[in-house]
N, C-alpha and C. Protein backbone atom coordinates (compact mmCIF):
# COMPACT_ATOMS: atom_id res chain seq x y z
N UNK A 1 0.75 -1.34 -0.25
CA UNK A 1 -0.08 -0.34 0.13
C UNK A 1 1.03 1.76 -0.25
N UNK A 2 0.66 2.54 -0.74
CA UNK A 2 0.87 3.65 -0.53
C UNK A 2 0.41 4.42 -0.48
N UNK A 3 0.65 5.67 -0.17
CA UNK A 3 0.26 6.73 0.66
C UNK A 3 -0.59 7.70 -0.87
N UNK A 4 -1.41 8.01 -0.86
CA UNK A 4 -2.46 8.69 -1.43
C UNK A 4 -1.86 10.04 -1.34
N UNK A 5 -1.94 10.90 -3.02
CA UNK A 5 -1.82 12.45 -3.32
C UNK A 5 -3.36 13.00 -2.00
N UNK A 6 -3.90 12.77 -2.36
CA UNK A 6 -5.46 13.02 -2.63
C UNK A 6 -6.34 11.45 -1.98
N UNK A 7 -6.41 12.27 -0.24
CA UNK A 7 -7.68 10.99 0.18
C UNK A 7 -9.00 10.75 -1.10
N UNK A 8 -8.76 9.74 -0.83
CA UNK A 8 -10.20 9.20 -1.73
C UNK A 8 -11.36 9.28 -1.06
N UNK A 9 -12.34 9.90 -0.87
CA UNK A 9 -13.66 10.09 -0.47
C UNK A 9 -14.67 8.90 -0.44
N UNK A 10 -15.14 7.84 0.82
CA UNK A 10 -15.99 7.24 0.09
C UNK A 10 -17.24 7.20 0.28
N UNK A 11 -17.53 8.13 1.16
CA UNK A 11 -18.99 9.09 1.54
C UNK A 11 -18.92 9.88 2.23
N UNK A 12 -19.47 11.69 2.19
CA UNK A 12 -19.28 12.32 2.62
C UNK A 12 -21.08 13.44 3.40
N UNK A 13 -21.11 13.30 4.07
CA UNK A 13 -22.05 14.47 4.50
C UNK A 13 -22.00 15.71 5.14
N UNK A 14 -22.99 16.23 4.26
CA UNK A 14 -23.35 17.92 4.91
C UNK A 14 -23.71 18.25 5.82
N UNK A 15 -23.72 19.05 6.34
CA UNK A 15 -24.39 19.29 7.91
C UNK A 15 -24.77 20.80 7.42
N UNK A 16 -25.85 20.84 7.02
CA UNK A 16 -26.40 21.85 7.14
C UNK A 16 -27.54 23.00 8.13
N UNK A 17 -27.80 24.36 7.85
CA UNK A 17 -28.62 24.91 8.88
C UNK A 17 -30.02 24.39 8.33
N UNK A 18 -30.99 24.70 9.03
CA UNK A 18 -32.58 24.71 8.78
C UNK A 18 -32.77 25.58 8.31
N UNK A 19 -32.47 26.86 8.54
CA UNK A 19 -32.95 28.33 8.29
C UNK A 19 -32.79 29.15 7.14
N UNK A 20 -31.12 28.81 7.11
CA UNK A 20 -30.62 29.49 5.51
C UNK A 20 -30.04 28.06 4.43
N UNK A 21 -29.82 26.70 4.99
CA UNK A 21 -29.34 25.54 4.03
C UNK A 21 -28.50 25.48 3.78
N UNK A 22 -27.66 26.57 4.57
CA UNK A 22 -25.89 26.69 4.34
C UNK A 22 -25.42 25.88 5.14
N UNK A 23 -24.49 24.91 4.37
CA UNK A 23 -23.23 24.08 4.76
C UNK A 23 -22.19 24.82 6.35
N UNK A 24 -22.65 23.65 7.62
CA UNK A 24 -21.63 24.48 8.04
C UNK A 24 -21.09 23.20 9.38
N UNK A 25 -20.84 21.82 8.08
CA UNK A 25 -19.52 21.34 8.33
C UNK A 25 -20.30 19.54 8.24
N UNK A 26 -19.38 18.67 8.18
CA UNK A 26 -19.10 17.75 7.36
C UNK A 26 -18.45 16.55 8.23
N UNK A 27 -18.90 15.12 7.56
CA UNK A 27 -18.35 13.97 8.07
C UNK A 27 -18.17 13.61 7.24
N UNK A 28 -16.82 12.89 7.08
CA UNK A 28 -16.98 11.67 5.00
C UNK A 28 -15.70 10.34 5.81
N UNK A 29 -16.34 9.59 4.91
CA UNK A 29 -15.61 8.47 5.46
C UNK A 29 -13.94 8.74 4.15
N UNK A 30 -12.71 8.61 3.89
CA UNK A 30 -12.05 8.77 3.62
C UNK A 30 -10.75 7.64 3.09
N UNK A 31 -10.06 7.19 2.70
CA UNK A 31 -8.75 6.50 2.59
C UNK A 31 -7.32 7.26 1.86
N UNK A 32 -6.44 6.48 3.36
CA UNK A 32 -5.37 7.78 2.53
C UNK A 32 -4.32 6.79 2.13
N UNK A 33 -4.45 5.42 1.66
CA UNK A 33 -3.97 4.29 1.47
C UNK A 33 -4.15 4.20 0.16
N UNK A 34 -3.68 3.32 -0.69
CA UNK A 34 -4.09 2.48 -1.73
C UNK A 34 -3.99 1.35 -1.55
N UNK A 35 -4.77 0.56 -2.22
CA UNK A 35 -5.68 -0.60 -1.40
C UNK A 35 -6.60 -0.95 -0.42
N UNK A 36 -6.06 -2.30 -0.09
CA UNK A 36 -7.84 -2.59 1.25
C UNK A 36 -6.74 -2.11 2.23
N UNK A 37 -7.51 -0.53 2.84
CA UNK A 37 -6.52 -0.41 4.56
C UNK A 37 -8.00 0.00 5.04
N UNK A 38 -8.14 0.20 6.04
CA UNK A 38 -9.12 1.26 6.87
C UNK A 38 -9.22 2.17 6.70
N UNK A 39 -10.45 2.98 6.55
CA UNK A 39 -10.83 3.56 5.76
C UNK A 39 -11.12 5.68 7.40
N UNK A 40 -10.37 6.28 7.41
CA UNK A 40 -10.51 7.18 7.74
C UNK A 40 -11.87 8.06 8.81
N UNK A 41 -12.31 8.48 9.87
CA UNK A 41 -13.42 9.24 10.00
C UNK A 41 -13.03 10.23 9.98
N UNK A 42 -13.78 11.47 9.50
CA UNK A 42 -13.02 12.61 9.65
C UNK A 42 -14.53 13.50 9.63
N UNK A 43 -14.39 14.72 10.63
CA UNK A 43 -15.81 15.76 10.94
C UNK A 43 -15.00 16.83 11.40
N UNK A 44 -16.25 17.93 10.63
CA UNK A 44 -15.90 19.06 11.27
C UNK A 44 -17.59 19.96 10.91
N UNK A 45 -17.07 21.08 12.19
CA UNK A 45 -17.93 22.24 11.97
C UNK A 45 -17.55 23.21 12.28
N UNK A 46 -18.43 24.12 11.49
CA UNK A 46 -17.91 25.75 11.74
C UNK A 46 -17.71 25.96 13.14
N UNK A 47 -16.80 26.94 13.87
CA UNK A 47 -17.07 27.11 15.18
C UNK A 47 -17.89 28.30 15.87
N UNK A 48 -18.93 28.70 15.02
CA UNK A 48 -20.12 29.18 15.76
C UNK A 48 -21.04 28.17 15.46
N UNK A 49 -21.29 27.22 15.16
CA UNK A 49 -22.22 25.86 15.63
C UNK A 49 -21.94 25.07 16.05
N UNK A 50 -20.28 24.90 17.43
CA UNK A 50 -19.64 24.27 18.15
C UNK A 50 -20.28 24.12 19.31
N UNK A 51 -20.49 23.06 19.67
CA UNK A 51 -21.45 23.32 21.43
C UNK A 51 -22.54 23.15 21.61
N UNK A 52 -23.06 22.83 20.13
CA UNK A 52 -24.55 22.92 20.25
C UNK A 52 -25.54 21.91 20.21
N UNK A 53 -24.67 20.80 20.26
CA UNK A 53 -24.83 19.42 20.11
C UNK A 53 -25.03 18.73 18.74
N UNK A 54 -24.95 19.45 17.68
CA UNK A 54 -25.39 19.21 16.51
C UNK A 54 -24.67 18.33 16.01
N UNK A 55 -22.79 17.93 15.95
CA UNK A 55 -22.64 16.73 15.73
C UNK A 55 -22.86 15.34 16.80
N UNK A 56 -23.25 15.73 17.64
CA UNK A 56 -23.70 14.95 18.94
C UNK A 56 -24.76 14.02 18.14
N UNK A 57 -25.52 14.69 17.09
CA UNK A 57 -26.79 13.64 16.73
C UNK A 57 -26.66 13.59 15.24
N UNK A 58 -25.50 13.96 14.46
CA UNK A 58 -25.26 13.77 13.48
C UNK A 58 -24.61 12.33 13.06
N UNK A 59 -23.47 12.41 13.84
CA UNK A 59 -22.50 11.37 13.32
C UNK A 59 -23.15 10.13 14.29
N UNK A 60 -24.06 9.68 14.92
CA UNK A 60 -24.99 8.33 14.96
C UNK A 60 -25.62 7.92 13.89
N UNK A 61 -26.45 8.88 13.29
CA UNK A 61 -27.05 8.17 12.05
C UNK A 61 -26.21 8.38 11.11
N UNK A 62 -24.60 8.74 10.74
CA UNK A 62 -23.57 9.25 9.80
C UNK A 62 -23.37 7.63 9.80
N UNK A 63 -22.74 7.01 11.51
CA UNK A 63 -22.28 5.80 11.21
C UNK A 63 -23.27 4.11 10.82
N UNK A 64 -24.66 4.63 11.19
CA UNK A 64 -25.51 3.87 10.81
C UNK A 64 -25.57 3.65 9.50
N UNK A 65 -25.70 4.34 8.97
CA UNK A 65 -25.30 4.34 7.43
C UNK A 65 -24.11 3.67 6.86
N UNK A 66 -22.71 3.97 7.60
CA UNK A 66 -21.79 3.51 6.97
C UNK A 66 -21.83 2.03 7.19
N UNK A 67 -22.39 1.37 7.93
CA UNK A 67 -22.58 -0.33 7.88
C UNK A 67 -22.52 -0.82 6.78
N UNK A 68 -23.33 -0.25 5.92
CA UNK A 68 -23.78 -0.41 4.42
C UNK A 68 -22.05 -1.16 3.48
N UNK A 69 -21.54 -0.38 3.91
CA UNK A 69 -20.19 -0.57 2.77
C UNK A 69 -19.19 -1.59 3.30
N UNK A 70 -18.47 -2.36 2.40
CA UNK A 70 -17.17 -3.07 2.75
C UNK A 70 -16.91 -3.23 4.44
N UNK A 71 -16.33 -2.71 4.37
CA UNK A 71 -15.23 -2.36 5.61
C UNK A 71 -16.13 -1.63 6.64
N UNK A 72 -16.15 -2.82 7.48
CA UNK A 72 -17.10 -1.86 9.08
C UNK A 72 -16.35 -1.66 9.88
N UNK A 73 -14.55 -1.02 9.48
CA UNK A 73 -14.44 -0.74 10.48
C UNK A 73 -13.56 0.76 10.29
N UNK A 74 -13.16 1.85 11.28
CA UNK A 74 -13.22 2.76 11.16
C UNK A 74 -12.08 2.91 11.88
N UNK A 75 -11.00 4.20 12.03
CA UNK A 75 -9.96 4.96 12.04
C UNK A 75 -10.14 6.84 12.62
N UNK A 76 -10.15 7.58 14.17
CA UNK A 76 -10.26 8.40 13.60
C UNK A 76 -9.26 8.63 14.67
N UNK A 77 -8.39 9.69 13.97
CA UNK A 77 -7.62 11.00 14.74
C UNK A 77 -7.24 11.60 15.13
N UNK A 78 -7.42 12.62 16.40
CA UNK A 78 -7.45 13.38 17.08
C UNK A 78 -7.12 14.03 17.35
N UNK A 79 -6.16 15.11 18.07
CA UNK A 79 -5.59 15.97 19.07
C UNK A 79 -5.98 15.85 20.96
N UNK A 80 -5.01 15.00 21.06
CA UNK A 80 -5.21 15.29 22.44
C UNK A 80 -6.02 16.20 23.19
N UNK A 81 -6.14 17.34 22.63
CA UNK A 81 -6.41 18.68 23.90
C UNK A 81 -7.50 19.02 22.96
N UNK A 82 -8.71 18.15 21.88
CA UNK A 82 -9.38 17.74 21.66
C UNK A 82 -10.67 17.16 22.67
N UNK A 83 -10.91 17.39 23.46
CA UNK A 83 -11.46 17.07 24.37
C UNK A 83 -13.21 16.40 23.96
N UNK A 84 -13.48 17.81 23.53
CA UNK A 84 -15.39 17.36 23.08
C UNK A 84 -15.29 16.36 21.74
N UNK A 85 -14.34 16.45 20.68
CA UNK A 85 -14.00 15.30 19.66
C UNK A 85 -13.55 14.15 20.02
N UNK A 86 -13.27 14.06 20.90
CA UNK A 86 -12.45 12.62 22.11
C UNK A 86 -13.98 11.99 23.14
N UNK A 87 -14.39 12.77 23.56
CA UNK A 87 -15.71 12.45 23.91
C UNK A 87 -16.65 11.81 23.00
N UNK A 88 -16.86 12.49 21.84
CA UNK A 88 -18.09 12.03 20.76
C UNK A 88 -18.04 10.93 20.08
N UNK A 89 -15.78 10.74 19.92
CA UNK A 89 -15.34 8.97 19.41
C UNK A 89 -16.22 7.95 20.45
N UNK A 90 -16.00 8.46 21.53
CA UNK A 90 -16.01 7.57 22.75
C UNK A 90 -16.88 7.16 23.12
N UNK A 91 -18.02 8.01 23.00
CA UNK A 91 -20.13 8.57 23.37
C UNK A 91 -20.23 7.41 22.32
N UNK A 92 -19.89 7.23 21.14
CA UNK A 92 -20.41 6.26 20.16
C UNK A 92 -19.74 5.03 19.69
N UNK A 93 -18.62 4.71 20.69
CA UNK A 93 -18.30 2.92 20.25
C UNK A 93 -16.60 3.27 20.14
N UNK A 94 -16.22 4.37 19.64
CA UNK A 94 -14.71 4.20 19.57
C UNK A 94 -14.01 4.21 20.40
N UNK A 95 -12.97 3.18 20.38
CA UNK A 95 -11.97 3.10 21.57
C UNK A 95 -10.44 3.48 21.40
N UNK A 96 -9.89 4.17 22.33
CA UNK A 96 -8.52 4.86 22.57
C UNK A 96 -7.88 3.54 22.09
N UNK A 97 -6.97 3.30 21.02
CA UNK A 97 -5.73 2.23 21.14
C UNK A 97 -4.16 3.05 20.97
N UNK A 98 -3.77 4.52 21.18
CA UNK A 98 -2.80 4.78 21.43
C UNK A 98 -2.43 5.91 20.70
N UNK A 99 -1.46 6.73 21.44
CA UNK A 99 -1.68 7.90 21.43
C UNK A 99 0.36 8.31 20.60
N UNK A 100 -0.10 8.95 19.38
CA UNK A 100 1.00 9.50 18.60
C UNK A 100 1.36 10.45 18.71
N UNK A 101 2.35 11.34 19.48
CA UNK A 101 2.74 12.43 19.23
C UNK A 101 1.75 13.68 19.80
N UNK A 102 1.24 14.23 19.08
CA UNK A 102 -0.15 15.13 20.02
C UNK A 102 -2.07 14.54 19.71
N UNK A 103 -1.66 13.36 18.68
CA UNK A 103 -2.72 13.15 18.59
C UNK A 103 -3.15 11.86 19.19
N UNK A 104 -4.34 11.53 19.53
CA UNK A 104 -5.36 10.78 19.77
C UNK A 104 -5.46 9.31 18.60
N UNK A 105 -5.21 8.20 18.71
CA UNK A 105 -6.33 7.32 17.84
C UNK A 105 -6.53 6.72 18.19
N UNK A 106 -8.49 6.26 17.51
CA UNK A 106 -9.30 5.88 17.90
C UNK A 106 -9.41 5.13 16.97
N UNK A 107 -10.49 3.42 17.62
CA UNK A 107 -10.69 3.23 16.02
C UNK A 107 -12.44 2.38 16.52
N UNK A 108 -12.98 1.70 15.55
CA UNK A 108 -14.61 1.34 16.02
C UNK A 108 -14.65 0.30 14.75
N UNK A 109 -15.50 -0.79 15.05
CA UNK A 109 -15.87 -1.72 14.32
C UNK A 109 -17.46 -1.90 14.43
N UNK A 110 -17.87 -2.17 13.61
CA UNK A 110 -19.45 -1.05 13.33
C UNK A 110 -20.17 -2.21 13.30
N UNK A 111 -19.71 -3.46 13.51
CA UNK A 111 -19.98 -5.30 13.35
C UNK A 111 -20.18 -5.27 15.18
N UNK A 112 -19.61 -4.69 16.24
CA UNK A 112 -20.07 -5.02 17.16
C UNK A 112 -20.74 -4.07 18.10
N UNK A 113 -21.69 -4.74 18.55
CA UNK A 113 -23.04 -3.71 19.74
C UNK A 113 -22.45 -3.40 21.02
N UNK A 114 -22.74 -2.70 21.02
CA UNK A 114 -22.60 -2.47 22.94
C UNK A 114 -22.82 -2.93 23.55
N UNK A 115 -23.82 -4.21 23.66
CA UNK A 115 -23.48 -5.64 23.97
C UNK A 115 -22.43 -6.58 23.74
N UNK A 116 -22.22 -6.64 23.03
CA UNK A 116 -21.32 -7.42 22.73
C UNK A 116 -19.30 -6.83 22.90
N UNK A 117 -19.86 -5.81 22.81
CA UNK A 117 -18.30 -4.74 23.66
C UNK A 117 -17.92 -5.45 24.99
N UNK A 118 -19.13 -4.81 25.70
CA UNK A 118 -19.39 -5.04 27.18
C UNK A 118 -19.24 -6.41 27.95
N UNK A 119 -19.63 -7.44 26.37
CA UNK A 119 -19.98 -8.74 27.12
C UNK A 119 -18.12 -9.20 27.17
N UNK A 120 -17.23 -8.62 25.87
CA UNK A 120 -16.11 -8.89 26.01
C UNK A 120 -15.17 -8.40 26.84
N UNK A 121 -15.35 -7.06 27.53
CA UNK A 121 -14.76 -6.45 28.45
C UNK A 121 -14.84 -6.96 29.54
N UNK A 122 -16.29 -7.80 29.97
CA UNK A 122 -16.31 -8.07 31.16
C UNK A 122 -15.40 -9.74 31.52
N UNK A 123 -15.65 -10.88 30.30
CA UNK A 123 -14.75 -11.59 29.78
C UNK A 123 -12.98 -11.27 29.92
N UNK A 124 -12.61 -10.71 29.70
CA UNK A 124 -11.11 -10.53 29.28
C UNK A 124 -10.87 -9.16 30.84
N UNK A 125 -11.85 -8.69 31.48
CA UNK A 125 -11.69 -8.29 33.14
C UNK A 125 -11.73 -10.41 33.74
N UNK A 126 -12.45 -10.83 34.09
CA UNK A 126 -12.61 -12.15 34.64
C UNK A 126 -11.37 -12.60 34.23
N UNK A 127 -11.13 -12.85 32.93
CA UNK A 127 -10.02 -13.49 32.99
C UNK A 127 -8.76 -13.09 33.28
N UNK A 128 -7.91 -11.71 33.47
CA UNK A 128 -7.09 -10.63 33.54
C UNK A 128 -7.41 -11.07 35.65
N UNK A 129 -8.07 -10.47 35.93
CA UNK A 129 -8.37 -10.84 37.65
C UNK A 129 -8.00 -12.34 38.31
N UNK A 130 -8.47 -13.15 36.83
CA UNK A 130 -7.91 -15.06 37.21
C UNK A 130 -7.05 -14.90 37.33
N UNK A 131 -6.22 -15.04 37.27
CA UNK A 131 -4.63 -14.41 36.43
C UNK A 131 -3.50 -13.51 37.91
N UNK A 132 -3.85 -13.05 38.08
CA UNK A 132 -3.33 -11.51 38.92
C UNK A 132 -2.72 -12.73 39.78
N UNK A 133 -1.58 -11.94 40.40
CA UNK A 133 -0.60 -12.87 40.92
C UNK A 133 -0.74 -11.87 42.21
């Protein structure tokens, strides 16, 4: 796999205002590598519309639509100090898998339901506690 000069956009959702129907943000799934690779989730909203719960409403709907694509996994990379985006990702099932420099990397598997994730976490904790020295 090689890096693309311009990311391939798989799916894009524009977020608009209901009053003037102007675009105020977007959510998109993009691929930065050639070949079969896990796409990245990107989202942004104009500063004037931040902290109003708009992205909290739009992201779950977008993720639901993403389930129809072949690849059920998504990666999201955010700045460590972007607490609102980190909270939004975690609230929607993304799992923190590590930090690189000033960024935090999250991943989600859209096939997993919250119940499956909770059961697997409990199973892992019970195994860990059982083998604890």
